[in-house]
N, C-alpha and C. Protein backbone atom coordinates (compact mmCIF):
# COMPACT_ATOMS: atom_id res chain seq x y z
N UNK A 1 25.87 32.15 23.63
CA UNK A 1 25.28 31.25 22.65
C UNK A 1 24.58 32.05 21.55
N UNK A 2 23.91 33.13 21.87
CA UNK A 2 23.18 33.88 20.85
C UNK A 2 24.10 34.57 19.86
N UNK A 3 25.40 34.63 20.17
CA UNK A 3 26.36 35.22 19.24
C UNK A 3 26.75 34.23 18.14
N UNK A 4 26.50 32.96 18.35
CA UNK A 4 26.89 31.94 17.38
C UNK A 4 25.89 31.89 16.23
N UNK A 5 26.36 31.57 15.02
CA UNK A 5 25.45 31.45 13.88
C UNK A 5 24.75 30.09 13.88
N UNK A 6 23.79 29.96 12.99
CA UNK A 6 23.13 28.68 12.75
C UNK A 6 23.85 27.95 11.63
N UNK A 7 23.97 26.65 11.75
CA UNK A 7 24.60 25.82 10.71
C UNK A 7 23.61 25.62 9.57
N UNK A 8 24.02 25.93 8.32
CA UNK A 8 23.13 25.69 7.18
C UNK A 8 22.98 24.19 6.92
N UNK A 9 21.75 23.77 6.71
CA UNK A 9 21.45 22.35 6.64
C UNK A 9 20.26 22.11 5.71
N UNK A 10 20.13 20.89 5.23
CA UNK A 10 18.97 20.47 4.44
C UNK A 10 18.41 19.21 5.08
N UNK A 11 17.08 19.11 5.06
CA UNK A 11 16.41 17.95 5.61
C UNK A 11 15.47 17.33 4.60
N UNK A 12 15.20 16.04 4.77
CA UNK A 12 14.37 15.28 3.83
C UNK A 12 13.25 14.57 4.57
N UNK A 13 12.02 14.86 4.15
CA UNK A 13 10.89 14.04 4.54
C UNK A 13 10.63 13.14 3.34
N UNK A 14 10.82 11.84 3.53
CA UNK A 14 10.70 10.87 2.46
C UNK A 14 9.45 10.03 2.68
N UNK A 15 8.52 10.12 1.74
CA UNK A 15 7.27 9.37 1.83
C UNK A 15 7.33 8.11 0.97
N UNK A 16 6.84 7.01 1.51
CA UNK A 16 6.70 5.82 0.69
C UNK A 16 5.32 5.81 0.03
N UNK A 17 5.01 4.76 -0.68
CA UNK A 17 3.73 4.68 -1.42
C UNK A 17 2.51 4.71 -0.50
N UNK A 18 2.72 4.34 0.77
CA UNK A 18 1.62 4.31 1.74
C UNK A 18 1.48 5.61 2.52
N UNK A 19 2.28 6.62 2.16
CA UNK A 19 2.21 7.90 2.86
C UNK A 19 2.90 7.91 4.20
N UNK A 20 3.76 6.92 4.42
CA UNK A 20 4.53 6.86 5.67
C UNK A 20 5.90 7.47 5.43
N UNK A 21 6.53 7.93 6.50
CA UNK A 21 7.77 8.70 6.44
C UNK A 21 8.95 7.88 6.94
N UNK A 22 10.08 7.98 6.22
CA UNK A 22 11.31 7.31 6.64
C UNK A 22 11.85 8.00 7.90
N UNK A 23 12.18 7.20 8.91
CA UNK A 23 12.89 7.70 10.09
C UNK A 23 13.99 6.71 10.44
N UNK A 24 15.07 7.25 10.97
CA UNK A 24 16.19 6.43 11.41
C UNK A 24 16.56 6.75 12.84
N UNK A 25 17.13 5.75 13.51
CA UNK A 25 17.63 5.93 14.87
C UNK A 25 19.13 6.16 14.79
N UNK A 26 19.57 7.31 15.31
CA UNK A 26 20.97 7.66 15.20
C UNK A 26 21.87 6.68 15.96
N UNK A 27 23.02 6.38 15.36
CA UNK A 27 24.01 5.51 15.99
C UNK A 27 24.60 6.16 17.23
N UNK A 28 24.80 7.48 17.17
CA UNK A 28 25.51 8.19 18.24
C UNK A 28 24.62 8.65 19.39
N UNK A 29 23.42 8.12 19.49
CA UNK A 29 22.52 8.51 20.56
C UNK A 29 21.99 7.28 21.28
N UNK A 30 21.89 7.38 22.58
CA UNK A 30 21.32 6.28 23.36
C UNK A 30 19.82 6.47 23.54
N UNK A 31 19.30 7.62 23.11
CA UNK A 31 17.88 7.89 23.21
C UNK A 31 17.10 7.04 22.21
N UNK A 32 15.85 6.82 22.49
CA UNK A 32 14.98 6.10 21.57
C UNK A 32 14.42 7.05 20.51
N UNK A 33 15.10 8.12 20.25
CA UNK A 33 14.64 9.13 19.30
C UNK A 33 14.90 8.67 17.87
N UNK A 34 13.98 9.06 17.01
CA UNK A 34 14.08 8.77 15.58
C UNK A 34 14.10 10.10 14.85
N UNK A 35 14.75 10.17 13.70
CA UNK A 35 14.77 11.41 12.95
C UNK A 35 14.76 11.14 11.45
N UNK A 36 14.41 12.19 10.70
CA UNK A 36 14.47 12.13 9.25
C UNK A 36 15.89 12.48 8.80
N UNK A 37 16.28 12.07 7.60
CA UNK A 37 17.62 12.39 7.11
C UNK A 37 17.84 13.91 7.00
N UNK A 38 19.03 14.33 7.34
CA UNK A 38 19.39 15.74 7.27
C UNK A 38 20.90 15.86 7.30
N UNK A 39 21.41 17.00 6.89
CA UNK A 39 22.84 17.20 6.98
C UNK A 39 23.25 18.57 6.49
N UNK A 40 24.50 18.91 6.78
CA UNK A 40 25.03 20.23 6.49
C UNK A 40 25.21 20.51 5.01
N UNK A 41 24.93 21.75 4.66
CA UNK A 41 25.13 22.23 3.29
C UNK A 41 26.59 22.65 3.16
N UNK A 42 27.29 22.08 2.19
CA UNK A 42 28.68 22.43 1.94
C UNK A 42 28.76 23.80 1.26
N UNK A 43 29.85 24.53 1.45
CA UNK A 43 29.99 25.84 0.77
C UNK A 43 29.80 25.69 -0.74
N UNK A 44 28.92 26.53 -1.30
CA UNK A 44 28.66 26.50 -2.73
C UNK A 44 27.67 25.44 -3.18
N UNK A 45 27.18 24.63 -2.27
CA UNK A 45 26.25 23.56 -2.61
C UNK A 45 24.81 24.06 -2.50
N UNK A 46 23.98 23.65 -3.45
CA UNK A 46 22.55 23.97 -3.44
C UNK A 46 21.86 23.11 -2.38
N UNK A 47 20.88 23.68 -1.69
CA UNK A 47 20.20 22.96 -0.61
C UNK A 47 19.52 21.67 -1.11
N UNK A 48 18.91 21.72 -2.28
CA UNK A 48 18.26 20.52 -2.82
C UNK A 48 19.30 19.43 -3.12
N UNK A 49 20.44 19.84 -3.68
CA UNK A 49 21.51 18.87 -3.93
C UNK A 49 22.01 18.26 -2.61
N UNK A 50 22.10 19.10 -1.57
CA UNK A 50 22.49 18.60 -0.25
C UNK A 50 21.50 17.56 0.23
N UNK A 51 20.21 17.86 0.10
CA UNK A 51 19.18 16.93 0.56
C UNK A 51 19.32 15.57 -0.12
N UNK A 52 19.53 15.57 -1.41
CA UNK A 52 19.67 14.31 -2.15
C UNK A 52 20.97 13.60 -1.76
N UNK A 53 22.04 14.38 -1.60
CA UNK A 53 23.32 13.78 -1.19
C UNK A 53 23.19 13.15 0.20
N UNK A 54 22.63 13.90 1.14
CA UNK A 54 22.48 13.39 2.50
C UNK A 54 21.58 12.15 2.55
N UNK A 55 20.52 12.17 1.76
CA UNK A 55 19.64 11.01 1.71
C UNK A 55 20.43 9.78 1.28
N UNK A 56 21.25 9.92 0.25
CA UNK A 56 22.07 8.80 -0.20
C UNK A 56 23.09 8.37 0.84
N UNK A 57 23.75 9.36 1.48
CA UNK A 57 24.77 9.04 2.47
C UNK A 57 24.20 8.35 3.70
N UNK A 58 22.96 8.68 4.06
CA UNK A 58 22.38 8.15 5.29
C UNK A 58 21.50 6.92 5.08
N UNK A 59 20.93 6.77 3.89
CA UNK A 59 19.98 5.68 3.65
C UNK A 59 20.39 4.74 2.52
N UNK A 60 21.40 5.13 1.75
CA UNK A 60 21.79 4.33 0.60
C UNK A 60 20.85 4.47 -0.58
N UNK A 61 19.83 5.32 -0.47
CA UNK A 61 18.84 5.47 -1.54
C UNK A 61 19.41 6.38 -2.63
N UNK A 62 19.52 5.90 -3.86
CA UNK A 62 20.05 6.73 -4.94
C UNK A 62 19.02 7.76 -5.42
N UNK A 63 19.52 8.83 -6.01
CA UNK A 63 18.68 9.95 -6.46
C UNK A 63 17.59 9.52 -7.43
N UNK A 64 17.84 8.51 -8.26
CA UNK A 64 16.83 8.14 -9.26
C UNK A 64 15.62 7.43 -8.65
N UNK A 65 15.66 7.14 -7.34
CA UNK A 65 14.52 6.49 -6.68
C UNK A 65 13.69 7.47 -5.84
N UNK A 66 13.91 8.77 -6.06
CA UNK A 66 13.10 9.77 -5.35
C UNK A 66 12.60 10.82 -6.34
N UNK A 67 11.41 11.35 -6.03
CA UNK A 67 10.83 12.42 -6.83
C UNK A 67 10.49 13.57 -5.90
N UNK A 68 10.87 14.78 -6.27
CA UNK A 68 10.57 15.95 -5.46
C UNK A 68 9.07 16.24 -5.51
N UNK A 69 8.46 16.39 -4.35
CA UNK A 69 7.04 16.75 -4.25
C UNK A 69 6.92 18.24 -3.91
N UNK A 70 7.70 18.68 -2.92
CA UNK A 70 7.58 20.07 -2.46
C UNK A 70 8.82 20.48 -1.68
N UNK A 71 8.96 21.79 -1.52
CA UNK A 71 10.00 22.38 -0.69
C UNK A 71 9.31 23.29 0.31
N UNK A 72 9.73 23.24 1.55
CA UNK A 72 9.17 24.14 2.56
C UNK A 72 9.41 25.58 2.11
N UNK A 73 8.43 26.47 2.31
CA UNK A 73 8.54 27.83 1.78
C UNK A 73 9.60 28.70 2.44
N UNK A 74 10.08 28.31 3.61
CA UNK A 74 11.09 29.12 4.29
C UNK A 74 12.03 28.23 5.09
N UNK A 75 13.16 28.81 5.46
CA UNK A 75 14.08 28.08 6.32
C UNK A 75 13.45 27.91 7.70
N UNK A 76 13.75 26.80 8.32
CA UNK A 76 13.28 26.53 9.67
C UNK A 76 14.49 26.44 10.59
N UNK A 77 14.36 26.99 11.79
CA UNK A 77 15.47 27.05 12.73
C UNK A 77 15.20 26.21 13.97
N UNK A 78 16.28 25.69 14.55
CA UNK A 78 16.18 25.15 15.90
C UNK A 78 17.47 25.45 16.64
N UNK A 79 17.35 25.63 17.94
CA UNK A 79 18.49 25.86 18.82
C UNK A 79 18.84 24.57 19.56
N UNK A 80 20.13 24.36 19.74
CA UNK A 80 20.58 23.25 20.56
C UNK A 80 20.33 23.58 22.03
N UNK A 81 20.14 22.56 22.86
CA UNK A 81 20.11 22.83 24.30
C UNK A 81 21.49 23.34 24.73
N UNK A 82 21.56 24.22 25.72
CA UNK A 82 22.85 24.80 26.13
C UNK A 82 23.95 23.77 26.38
N UNK A 83 23.58 22.62 26.93
CA UNK A 83 24.61 21.61 27.24
C UNK A 83 25.22 20.97 26.01
N UNK A 84 24.61 21.11 24.84
CA UNK A 84 25.15 20.53 23.60
C UNK A 84 25.89 21.54 22.73
N UNK A 85 25.73 22.83 22.99
CA UNK A 85 26.32 23.85 22.11
C UNK A 85 27.83 23.67 21.97
N UNK A 86 28.53 23.45 23.03
CA UNK A 86 29.98 23.31 22.94
C UNK A 86 30.46 21.95 22.48
N UNK A 87 29.55 20.98 22.38
CA UNK A 87 29.92 19.60 22.05
C UNK A 87 29.75 19.25 20.58
N UNK A 88 28.72 19.82 19.94
CA UNK A 88 28.45 19.50 18.53
C UNK A 88 29.08 20.53 17.61
N UNK A 89 29.50 20.09 16.45
CA UNK A 89 30.05 20.96 15.40
C UNK A 89 31.18 21.85 15.92
N UNK A 90 31.99 21.28 16.82
CA UNK A 90 33.16 21.98 17.39
C UNK A 90 32.78 23.30 18.06
N UNK A 91 31.54 23.39 18.53
CA UNK A 91 31.10 24.58 19.25
C UNK A 91 30.92 25.82 18.40
N UNK A 92 30.87 25.65 17.07
CA UNK A 92 30.78 26.82 16.17
C UNK A 92 29.36 27.30 15.93
N UNK A 93 28.34 26.49 16.26
CA UNK A 93 26.96 26.84 15.92
C UNK A 93 26.04 26.71 17.13
N UNK A 94 24.99 27.50 17.13
CA UNK A 94 23.99 27.46 18.20
C UNK A 94 22.84 26.50 17.88
N UNK A 95 22.76 26.08 16.64
CA UNK A 95 21.69 25.21 16.16
C UNK A 95 21.77 25.14 14.65
N UNK A 96 20.66 24.86 14.02
CA UNK A 96 20.67 24.75 12.56
C UNK A 96 19.55 25.58 11.95
N UNK A 97 19.82 26.07 10.73
CA UNK A 97 18.80 26.66 9.88
C UNK A 97 18.68 25.71 8.70
N UNK A 98 17.49 25.20 8.52
CA UNK A 98 17.31 24.09 7.59
C UNK A 98 16.34 24.42 6.46
N UNK A 99 16.68 23.92 5.28
CA UNK A 99 15.76 23.89 4.13
C UNK A 99 15.22 22.47 4.09
N UNK A 100 13.89 22.33 4.04
CA UNK A 100 13.28 21.01 4.04
C UNK A 100 12.64 20.69 2.70
N UNK A 101 12.79 19.43 2.30
CA UNK A 101 12.28 18.94 1.03
C UNK A 101 11.44 17.69 1.27
N UNK A 102 10.34 17.60 0.55
CA UNK A 102 9.47 16.43 0.60
C UNK A 102 9.67 15.65 -0.69
N UNK A 103 10.09 14.41 -0.54
CA UNK A 103 10.32 13.53 -1.69
C UNK A 103 9.43 12.29 -1.56
N UNK A 104 9.06 11.74 -2.71
CA UNK A 104 8.38 10.45 -2.76
C UNK A 104 9.43 9.39 -3.12
N UNK A 105 9.43 8.32 -2.35
CA UNK A 105 10.32 7.18 -2.59
C UNK A 105 9.64 6.26 -3.58
N UNK A 106 10.29 6.02 -4.72
CA UNK A 106 9.70 5.18 -5.76
C UNK A 106 10.28 3.77 -5.77
N UNK A 107 11.21 3.51 -4.86
CA UNK A 107 11.83 2.20 -4.81
C UNK A 107 11.10 1.24 -3.89
N UNK A 108 11.81 0.21 -3.51
CA UNK A 108 11.30 -0.83 -2.61
C UNK A 108 12.12 -0.79 -1.32
N UNK A 109 11.59 -1.37 -0.26
CA UNK A 109 12.32 -1.37 1.01
C UNK A 109 13.73 -1.95 0.87
N UNK A 110 13.89 -2.90 -0.01
CA UNK A 110 15.23 -3.51 -0.20
C UNK A 110 16.24 -2.52 -0.76
N UNK A 111 15.76 -1.38 -1.30
CA UNK A 111 16.65 -0.34 -1.80
C UNK A 111 17.22 0.54 -0.70
N UNK A 112 16.71 0.39 0.52
CA UNK A 112 17.22 1.14 1.66
C UNK A 112 18.36 0.34 2.28
N UNK A 113 19.50 0.99 2.47
CA UNK A 113 20.66 0.33 3.07
C UNK A 113 21.37 1.34 3.97
N UNK A 114 21.09 1.27 5.28
CA UNK A 114 21.69 2.21 6.21
C UNK A 114 23.14 1.86 6.56
N UNK A 115 23.62 0.72 6.07
CA UNK A 115 25.03 0.36 6.28
C UNK A 115 25.89 1.02 5.20
N UNK A 116 25.92 2.34 5.24
CA UNK A 116 26.63 3.13 4.24
C UNK A 116 28.10 3.27 4.63
N UNK A 117 28.87 4.00 3.84
CA UNK A 117 30.30 4.19 4.12
C UNK A 117 30.53 4.80 5.50
N UNK A 118 29.68 5.70 5.91
CA UNK A 118 29.76 6.33 7.23
C UNK A 118 28.37 6.28 7.87
N UNK A 119 27.98 5.13 8.41
CA UNK A 119 26.61 4.96 8.90
C UNK A 119 26.24 5.98 9.98
N UNK A 120 25.01 6.48 9.90
CA UNK A 120 24.49 7.41 10.91
C UNK A 120 23.32 6.81 11.66
N UNK A 121 22.68 5.79 11.07
CA UNK A 121 21.51 5.18 11.70
C UNK A 121 21.81 3.74 12.08
N UNK A 122 21.25 3.33 13.22
CA UNK A 122 21.39 1.93 13.65
C UNK A 122 20.16 1.11 13.30
N UNK A 123 19.05 1.80 13.02
CA UNK A 123 17.79 1.14 12.64
C UNK A 123 16.98 2.15 11.83
N UNK A 124 16.01 1.63 11.07
CA UNK A 124 15.12 2.52 10.32
C UNK A 124 13.75 1.88 10.22
N UNK A 125 12.75 2.72 9.91
CA UNK A 125 11.39 2.22 9.71
C UNK A 125 10.56 3.31 9.04
N UNK A 126 9.36 2.94 8.65
CA UNK A 126 8.38 3.89 8.10
C UNK A 126 7.43 4.25 9.23
N UNK A 127 7.15 5.55 9.39
CA UNK A 127 6.31 6.02 10.48
C UNK A 127 5.15 6.87 9.96
N UNK A 128 4.10 6.93 10.73
CA UNK A 128 2.99 7.81 10.44
C UNK A 128 3.48 9.25 10.63
N UNK A 129 3.26 10.13 9.67
CA UNK A 129 3.74 11.51 9.82
C UNK A 129 3.28 12.18 11.11
N UNK A 130 2.07 11.90 11.56
CA UNK A 130 1.55 12.53 12.79
C UNK A 130 2.34 12.14 14.02
N UNK A 131 3.08 11.04 13.96
CA UNK A 131 3.86 10.59 15.12
C UNK A 131 5.23 11.26 15.20
N UNK A 132 5.67 11.91 14.15
CA UNK A 132 7.02 12.46 14.11
C UNK A 132 7.40 13.35 15.29
N UNK A 133 6.57 14.32 15.67
CA UNK A 133 7.00 15.19 16.78
C UNK A 133 7.25 14.44 18.09
N UNK A 134 6.62 13.30 18.27
CA UNK A 134 6.80 12.53 19.50
C UNK A 134 7.95 11.53 19.40
N UNK A 135 8.53 11.40 18.22
CA UNK A 135 9.61 10.44 18.01
C UNK A 135 10.99 11.10 18.07
N UNK A 136 11.03 12.41 17.88
CA UNK A 136 12.29 13.14 17.77
C UNK A 136 12.77 13.57 19.16
N UNK A 137 14.05 13.93 19.26
CA UNK A 137 14.56 14.48 20.52
C UNK A 137 13.74 15.72 20.85
N UNK A 138 13.47 15.96 22.13
CA UNK A 138 12.58 17.06 22.50
C UNK A 138 12.96 18.43 21.94
N UNK A 139 14.24 18.75 21.83
CA UNK A 139 14.61 20.08 21.36
C UNK A 139 14.34 20.30 19.87
N UNK A 140 14.01 19.25 19.14
CA UNK A 140 13.64 19.39 17.73
C UNK A 140 12.13 19.24 17.49
N UNK A 141 11.36 19.07 18.55
CA UNK A 141 9.92 18.82 18.41
C UNK A 141 9.21 19.95 17.66
N UNK A 142 9.47 21.20 18.04
CA UNK A 142 8.80 22.33 17.38
C UNK A 142 9.19 22.39 15.90
N UNK A 143 10.45 22.08 15.59
CA UNK A 143 10.90 22.06 14.20
C UNK A 143 10.09 21.04 13.40
N UNK A 144 9.94 19.83 13.94
CA UNK A 144 9.20 18.80 13.23
C UNK A 144 7.73 19.19 13.05
N UNK A 145 7.17 19.89 14.02
CA UNK A 145 5.80 20.38 13.86
C UNK A 145 5.72 21.38 12.72
N UNK A 146 6.75 22.22 12.56
CA UNK A 146 6.79 23.17 11.46
C UNK A 146 6.94 22.46 10.11
N UNK A 147 7.76 21.41 10.07
CA UNK A 147 7.93 20.63 8.84
C UNK A 147 6.59 20.00 8.45
N UNK A 148 5.92 19.42 9.43
CA UNK A 148 4.61 18.82 9.15
C UNK A 148 3.61 19.86 8.65
N UNK A 149 3.61 21.04 9.25
CA UNK A 149 2.69 22.09 8.80
C UNK A 149 3.02 22.51 7.37
N UNK A 150 4.31 22.61 7.03
CA UNK A 150 4.70 23.02 5.68
C UNK A 150 4.25 22.01 4.63
N UNK A 151 4.29 20.74 4.96
CA UNK A 151 3.97 19.69 3.99
C UNK A 151 2.57 19.09 4.17
N UNK A 152 1.80 19.62 5.09
CA UNK A 152 0.48 19.09 5.39
C UNK A 152 -0.40 18.87 4.15
N UNK A 153 -0.43 19.81 3.18
CA UNK A 153 -1.29 19.58 2.01
C UNK A 153 -0.94 18.32 1.21
N UNK A 154 0.28 17.81 1.39
CA UNK A 154 0.73 16.65 0.61
C UNK A 154 0.67 15.35 1.42
N UNK A 155 0.28 15.45 2.70
CA UNK A 155 0.34 14.29 3.58
C UNK A 155 -0.99 13.59 3.78
N UNK A 156 -2.06 14.17 3.34
CA UNK A 156 -3.36 13.52 3.52
C UNK A 156 -3.48 12.34 2.55
N UNK A 157 -4.27 11.35 2.90
CA UNK A 157 -4.44 10.20 1.99
C UNK A 157 -4.91 10.60 0.60
N UNK A 158 -5.71 11.64 0.49
CA UNK A 158 -6.21 12.08 -0.82
C UNK A 158 -5.10 12.65 -1.68
N UNK A 159 -4.02 13.13 -1.05
CA UNK A 159 -2.92 13.75 -1.81
C UNK A 159 -2.00 12.71 -2.44
N UNK A 160 -2.05 11.49 -1.97
CA UNK A 160 -1.12 10.45 -2.45
C UNK A 160 -1.42 10.02 -3.85
């Protein structure tokens, strides 16, 4: 497993006007886990462009309804559990290396439509950022704690 590379990926922490974060429940999981939008960076694609593309593909939110607040200062990594390595991404990756972006959602809840061309979420909601590590699958918990630490200066009520 340690010989495999990490899949390049971009992730989005999307804040609404109340400082709550968008989370979705994956269609392909029976777990009660929730996650933020994320997805693979295509060859030659900029990570920020990937983040905006993935946000649209997973939430239906168009680019003009988000404003960039911050970018995490470094890539964040996570490893898949050994039992998933051969099952996800055709067994080519050991986990993901992710660039994370914090965006403010300027639209309304009615602008969110998870029934996209290729739906990934079965449900969505706004969550308190502090709850994120407890909502995600356990193997991504440390990653979400790192994302929260990277964006902490922007998550306090005074920062809104």
